[in-house]
Structure formats: C-alpha cells, structure tokens
Amino acid sequence: MEEGKKRTNYRKLYPGVKEEIYEVLERSDRKIKYSRYDLKTERCNIDYEKATVTYIPSREDSLDRLEEQNYQFSDQSEGVEDRAIKDTLIADMKSCIKHLSKEDQALITYIFFNGGTQQGYGELIGITQRGVGKRQEKILEKLRKMMGIDI
C-alpha cells in the first residue's frame, strides 16, 4: 500500500481503550502524515468549472531548486570585526576576574563556567540562594566597573 494511504486501526489494535485515546492516536497519525507526506508533495487543483489548473508547490524547498531560482542565502557567519571584539571582551573579562578575591572567583567559576546554580553554590558553602544572588550581583557590578561597562 502507498505510504500516504495506510491507516492504523487502533480500535482493533488496542481494544477496550477509551475513545479519547483513539482520537489522540489518530490525530497524531494525521500530524505525522502531514509532516512526512503532505508538506513534501506538490499538488494540482483542477477547477472544472473555470477550466483552470492551479499548481501548489511543496512547502519543503530543495537546495537545487533554490539555486536554480538564484536564491540569495544570507551570510550566517560571524563577521571578523564582531569576532575580534568578542575575543577582546572575553580576554578583558578573564583578566578582571583574576583581580577578584578567591571567594568571588569561586562563585563566578561555579555559576558561569561550570554551569552551577545559585542554589547549588549556596548549599556548597552554607548560605541561602538569596545570599548567593546578592553576592553575584555585587561581583558582576564590580566586573562591569573594572571593564568600564555602564548599564
């Protein structure tokens, strides 16, 4: 049987299940069919009264078709200047972090470089999450001043 024409009979496959579950399963099958088949196929609508044929292209474009139409792709890569500015800011930030106290460095490292949470750091050193949050804000303000960033 053709891929787009198959239908699973869930009532036969799962007897005794609530009607709502059958409806959900059939709806999800329809969504899958739509994304796998309907979006990817081209169709023609024929209007017999007006004697016209309307071509409906697929919604999924191929790279070949876009190149044939001379489609201009936007440049997604980061510019050289942007990358240089970003690298400079990162280097400045790392040097400013070295000027912080060991406790402040530990907090920044735990949260921003190791992916930890304020709650986790608070449990680690024995203070509340709110206390860690206040300390973090003070440290970030220090870093902004050191780097000359006004927000």
C-alpha atoms as a PDB file:
ATOM      1  CA  MET A   1       0.000   0.000   0.000  1.00  0.00           C
ATOM      2  CA  GLU A   2       1.237   3.537  -0.712  1.00  0.00           C
ATOM      3  CA  GLU A   3       2.881   5.391   2.219  1.00  0.00           C
ATOM      4  CA  GLY A   4       0.326   8.194   2.369  1.00  0.00           C
ATOM      5  CA  LYS A   5      -2.689   5.849   2.237  1.00  0.00           C
ATOM      6  CA  LYS A   6      -2.021   3.496   5.197  1.00  0.00           C
ATOM      7  CA  ARG A   7      -4.134   3.898   8.319  1.00  0.00           C
ATOM      8  CA  THR A   8      -3.658   2.046  11.554  1.00  0.00           C
ATOM      9  CA  ASN A   9      -6.828   0.648  13.070  1.00  0.00           C
ATOM     10  CA  TYR A  10      -6.212   1.459  16.731  1.00  0.00           C
ATOM     11  CA  ARG A  11      -9.600   0.109  17.820  1.00  0.00           C
ATOM     12  CA  LYS A  12      -8.591  -3.331  16.557  1.00  0.00           C
ATOM     13  CA  LEU A  13      -5.004  -2.998  17.789  1.00  0.00           C
ATOM     14  CA  TYR A  14      -5.932  -1.778  21.302  1.00  0.00           C
ATOM     15  CA  PRO A  15      -9.438  -2.991  22.181  1.00  0.00           C
ATOM     16  CA  GLY A  16     -11.032  -1.659  25.343  1.00  0.00           C
ATOM     17  CA  VAL A  17      -9.269   1.713  25.363  1.00  0.00           C
ATOM     18  CA  LYS A  18     -11.173   4.967  25.876  1.00  0.00           C
ATOM     19  CA  GLU A  19     -12.459   6.778  22.802  1.00  0.00           C
ATOM     20  CA  GLU A  20     -10.381   9.879  23.630  1.00  0.00           C
ATOM     21  CA  ILE A  21      -7.186   7.854  23.339  1.00  0.00           C
ATOM     22  CA  TYR A  22      -8.206   6.585  19.904  1.00  0.00           C
ATOM     23  CA  GLU A  23      -8.837  10.176  18.832  1.00  0.00           C
ATOM     24  CA  VAL A  24      -5.431  11.309  20.111  1.00  0.00           C
ATOM     25  CA  LEU A  25      -3.665   8.448  18.329  1.00  0.00           C
ATOM     26  CA  GLU A  26      -5.473   9.141  15.059  1.00  0.00           C
ATOM     27  CA  ARG A  27      -4.795  12.879  15.345  1.00  0.00           C
ATOM     28  CA  SER A  28      -1.091  12.239  15.945  1.00  0.00           C
ATOM     29  CA  ASP A  29      -1.007   9.906  12.936  1.00  0.00           C
ATOM     30  CA  ARG A  30      -2.538  12.676  10.849  1.00  0.00           C
ATOM     31  CA  LYS A  31       0.088  15.164  12.056  1.00  0.00           C
ATOM     32  CA  ILE A  32       2.878  12.732  11.213  1.00  0.00           C
ATOM     33  CA  LYS A  33       1.388  12.121   7.762  1.00  0.00           C
ATOM     34  CA  TYR A  34       1.132  15.874   7.238  1.00  0.00           C
ATOM     35  CA  SER A  35       4.777  16.488   8.129  1.00  0.00           C
ATOM     36  CA  ARG A  36       6.122  13.461   6.230  1.00  0.00           C
ATOM     37  CA  TYR A  37       3.950  13.491   3.147  1.00  0.00           C
ATOM     38  CA  ASP A  38       1.660  16.486   2.660  1.00  0.00           C
ATOM     39  CA  LEU A  39       4.320  19.160   3.094  1.00  0.00           C
ATOM     40  CA  LYS A  40       6.714  17.419   0.731  1.00  0.00           C
ATOM     41  CA  THR A  41       4.452  16.693  -2.228  1.00  0.00           C
ATOM     42  CA  GLU A  42       3.435  19.021  -4.995  1.00  0.00           C
ATOM     43  CA  ARG A  43      -0.237  19.145  -5.910  1.00  0.00           C
ATOM     44  CA  CYS A  44      -2.512  20.442  -8.610  1.00  0.00           C
ATOM     45  CA  ASN A  45      -6.010  21.780  -8.015  1.00  0.00           C
ATOM     46  CA  ILE A  46      -8.272  21.372 -11.018  1.00  0.00           C
ATOM     47  CA  ASP A  47     -11.249  23.711 -11.299  1.00  0.00           C
ATOM     48  CA  TYR A  48     -13.538  22.092 -13.883  1.00  0.00           C
ATOM     49  CA  GLU A  49     -15.990  24.996 -13.956  1.00  0.00           C
ATOM     50  CA  LYS A  50     -13.353  27.611 -14.791  1.00  0.00           C
ATOM     51  CA  ALA A  51     -11.198  25.134 -16.704  1.00  0.00           C
ATOM     52  CA  THR A  52      -8.072  26.093 -14.758  1.00  0.00           C
ATOM     53  CA  VAL A  53      -5.303  24.129 -13.125  1.00  0.00           C
ATOM     54  CA  THR A  54      -3.567  25.622 -10.108  1.00  0.00           C
ATOM     55  CA  TYR A  55      -0.142  24.279  -9.213  1.00  0.00           C
ATOM     56  CA  ILE A  56       0.627  24.139  -5.468  1.00  0.00           C
ATOM     57  CA  PRO A  57       4.355  23.618  -4.832  1.00  0.00           C
ATOM     58  CA  SER A  58       5.615  21.665  -1.863  1.00  0.00           C
ATOM     59  CA  ARG A  59       6.498  23.635   1.221  1.00  0.00           C
ATOM     60  CA  GLU A  60       9.813  21.916   1.507  1.00  0.00           C
ATOM     61  CA  ASP A  61      12.345  23.565  -0.759  1.00  0.00           C
ATOM     62  CA  SER A  62      15.298  21.693  -2.087  1.00  0.00           C
ATOM     63  CA  LEU A  63      18.707  23.280  -2.344  1.00  0.00           C
ATOM     64  CA  ASP A  64      18.785  22.536  -6.074  1.00  0.00           C
ATOM     65  CA  ARG A  65      15.519  24.362  -6.737  1.00  0.00           C
ATOM     66  CA  LEU A  66      16.612  27.365  -4.675  1.00  0.00           C
ATOM     67  CA  GLU A  67      19.900  27.544  -6.576  1.00  0.00           C
ATOM     68  CA  GLU A  68      18.049  27.317  -9.914  1.00  0.00           C
ATOM     69  CA  GLN A  69      15.956  30.316  -8.857  1.00  0.00           C
ATOM     70  CA  ASN A  70      19.169  32.182  -7.894  1.00  0.00           C
ATOM     71  CA  TYR A  71      18.023  32.451  -4.294  1.00  0.00           C
ATOM     72  CA  GLN A  72      20.429  34.564  -2.233  1.00  0.00           C
ATOM     73  CA  PHE A  73      21.333  32.938   1.068  1.00  0.00           C
ATOM     74  CA  SER A  74      22.060  35.266   3.965  1.00  0.00           C
ATOM     75  CA  ASP A  75      25.505  35.091   5.487  1.00  0.00           C
ATOM     76  CA  GLN A  76      25.099  33.467   8.885  1.00  0.00           C
ATOM     77  CA  SER A  77      28.758  33.541   9.805  1.00  0.00           C
ATOM     78  CA  GLU A  78      30.083  35.963  12.364  1.00  0.00           C
ATOM     79  CA  GLY A  79      31.984  38.913  10.957  1.00  0.00           C
ATOM     80  CA  VAL A  80      35.714  39.309  11.565  1.00  0.00           C
ATOM     81  CA  GLU A  81      35.190  42.569  13.448  1.00  0.00           C
ATOM     82  CA  ASP A  82      32.475  41.078  15.661  1.00  0.00           C
ATOM     83  CA  ARG A  83      34.649  38.082  16.464  1.00  0.00           C
ATOM     84  CA  ALA A  84      37.631  40.320  17.299  1.00  0.00           C
ATOM     85  CA  ILE A  85      35.502  42.482  19.623  1.00  0.00           C
ATOM     86  CA  LYS A  86      34.064  39.399  21.309  1.00  0.00           C
ATOM     87  CA  ASP A  87      37.531  37.872  21.811  1.00  0.00           C
ATOM     88  CA  THR A  88      38.835  41.154  23.247  1.00  0.00           C
ATOM     89  CA  LEU A  89      35.925  41.410  25.689  1.00  0.00           C
ATOM     90  CA  ILE A  90      36.429  37.818  26.810  1.00  0.00           C
ATOM     91  CA  ALA A  91      40.152  38.409  27.377  1.00  0.00           C
ATOM     92  CA  ASP A  92      39.384  41.612  29.342  1.00  0.00           C
ATOM     93  CA  MET A  93      36.807  39.791  31.443  1.00  0.00           C
ATOM     94  CA  LYS A  94      39.209  36.951  32.255  1.00  0.00           C
ATOM     95  CA  SER A  95      41.893  39.413  33.358  1.00  0.00           C
ATOM     96  CA  CYS A  96      39.343  41.289  35.513  1.00  0.00           C
ATOM     97  CA  ILE A  97      38.183  38.034  37.119  1.00  0.00           C
ATOM     98  CA  LYS A  98      41.792  37.382  38.187  1.00  0.00           C
ATOM     99  CA  HIS A  99      41.680  40.628  40.204  1.00  0.00           C
ATOM    100  CA  LEU A 100      38.682  39.436  42.239  1.00  0.00           C
ATOM    101  CA  SER A 101      39.018  37.748  45.626  1.00  0.00           C
ATOM    102  CA  LYS A 102      39.291  33.947  45.707  1.00  0.00           C
ATOM    103  CA  GLU A 103      35.729  33.631  47.055  1.00  0.00           C
ATOM    104  CA  ASP A 104      34.341  35.824  44.283  1.00  0.00           C
ATOM    105  CA  GLN A 105      36.321  33.912  41.660  1.00  0.00           C
ATOM    106  CA  ALA A 106      34.963  30.636  43.037  1.00  0.00           C
ATOM    107  CA  LEU A 107      31.362  31.877  42.786  1.00  0.00           C
ATOM    108  CA  ILE A 108      31.779  33.166  39.209  1.00  0.00           C
ATOM    109  CA  THR A 109      33.567  29.981  38.138  1.00  0.00           C
ATOM    110  CA  TYR A 110      30.942  27.734  39.721  1.00  0.00           C
ATOM    111  CA  ILE A 111      27.952  29.530  38.221  1.00  0.00           C
ATOM    112  CA  PHE A 112      29.169  30.762  34.831  1.00  0.00           C
ATOM    113  CA  PHE A 113      31.931  28.377  33.796  1.00  0.00           C
ATOM    114  CA  ASN A 114      30.789  25.130  35.427  1.00  0.00           C
ATOM    115  CA  GLY A 115      27.057  25.649  34.820  1.00  0.00           C
ATOM    116  CA  GLY A 116      26.146  25.509  38.504  1.00  0.00           C
ATOM    117  CA  THR A 117      23.171  27.186  40.133  1.00  0.00           C
ATOM    118  CA  GLN A 118      22.909  29.746  42.898  1.00  0.00           C
ATOM    119  CA  GLN A 119      21.061  27.167  44.987  1.00  0.00           C
ATOM    120  CA  GLY A 120      23.818  24.591  44.468  1.00  0.00           C
ATOM    121  CA  TYR A 121      26.577  27.049  45.346  1.00  0.00           C
ATOM    122  CA  GLY A 122      24.665  28.166  48.436  1.00  0.00           C
ATOM    123  CA  GLU A 123      24.381  24.574  49.638  1.00  0.00           C
ATOM    124  CA  LEU A 124      28.084  24.070  48.935  1.00  0.00           C
ATOM    125  CA  ILE A 125      29.264  26.986  51.084  1.00  0.00           C
ATOM    126  CA  GLY A 126      26.371  27.089  53.564  1.00  0.00           C
ATOM    127  CA  ILE A 127      24.402  30.223  52.651  1.00  0.00           C
ATOM    128  CA  THR A 128      20.972  30.786  51.129  1.00  0.00           C
ATOM    129  CA  GLN A 129      20.273  31.118  47.418  1.00  0.00           C
ATOM    130  CA  ARG A 130      19.204  34.709  48.021  1.00  0.00           C
ATOM    131  CA  GLY A 131      22.567  35.437  49.651  1.00  0.00           C
ATOM    132  CA  VAL A 132      24.382  33.925  46.678  1.00  0.00           C
ATOM    133  CA  GLY A 133      22.251  36.001  44.305  1.00  0.00           C
ATOM    134  CA  LYS A 134      23.095  39.235  46.126  1.00  0.00           C
ATOM    135  CA  ARG A 135      26.793  38.360  46.145  1.00  0.00           C
ATOM    136  CA  GLN A 136      26.655  37.509  42.453  1.00  0.00           C
ATOM    137  CA  GLU A 137      25.079  40.876  41.612  1.00  0.00           C
ATOM    138  CA  LYS A 138      27.767  42.725  43.599  1.00  0.00           C
ATOM    139  CA  ILE A 139      30.517  40.760  41.860  1.00  0.00           C
ATOM    140  CA  LEU A 140      29.037  41.406  38.421  1.00  0.00           C
ATOM    141  CA  GLU A 141      28.795  45.109  39.237  1.00  0.00           C
ATOM    142  CA  LYS A 142      32.496  45.066  40.235  1.00  0.00           C
ATOM    143  CA  LEU A 143      33.364  43.389  36.933  1.00  0.00           C
ATOM    144  CA  ARG A 144      31.364  45.965  34.972  1.00  0.00           C
ATOM    145  CA  LYS A 145      33.205  48.802  36.723  1.00  0.00           C
ATOM    146  CA  MET A 146      36.581  47.153  36.111  1.00  0.00           C
ATOM    147  CA  MET A 147      35.773  46.714  32.429  1.00  0.00           C
ATOM    148  CA  GLY A 148      34.266  50.191  32.102  1.00  0.00           C
ATOM    149  CA  ILE A 149      30.833  48.946  31.058  1.00  0.00           C
ATOM    150  CA  ASP A 150      27.865  51.131  32.021  1.00  0.00           C
ATOM    151  CA  ILE A 151      24.438  49.539  32.016  1.00  0.00           C
END
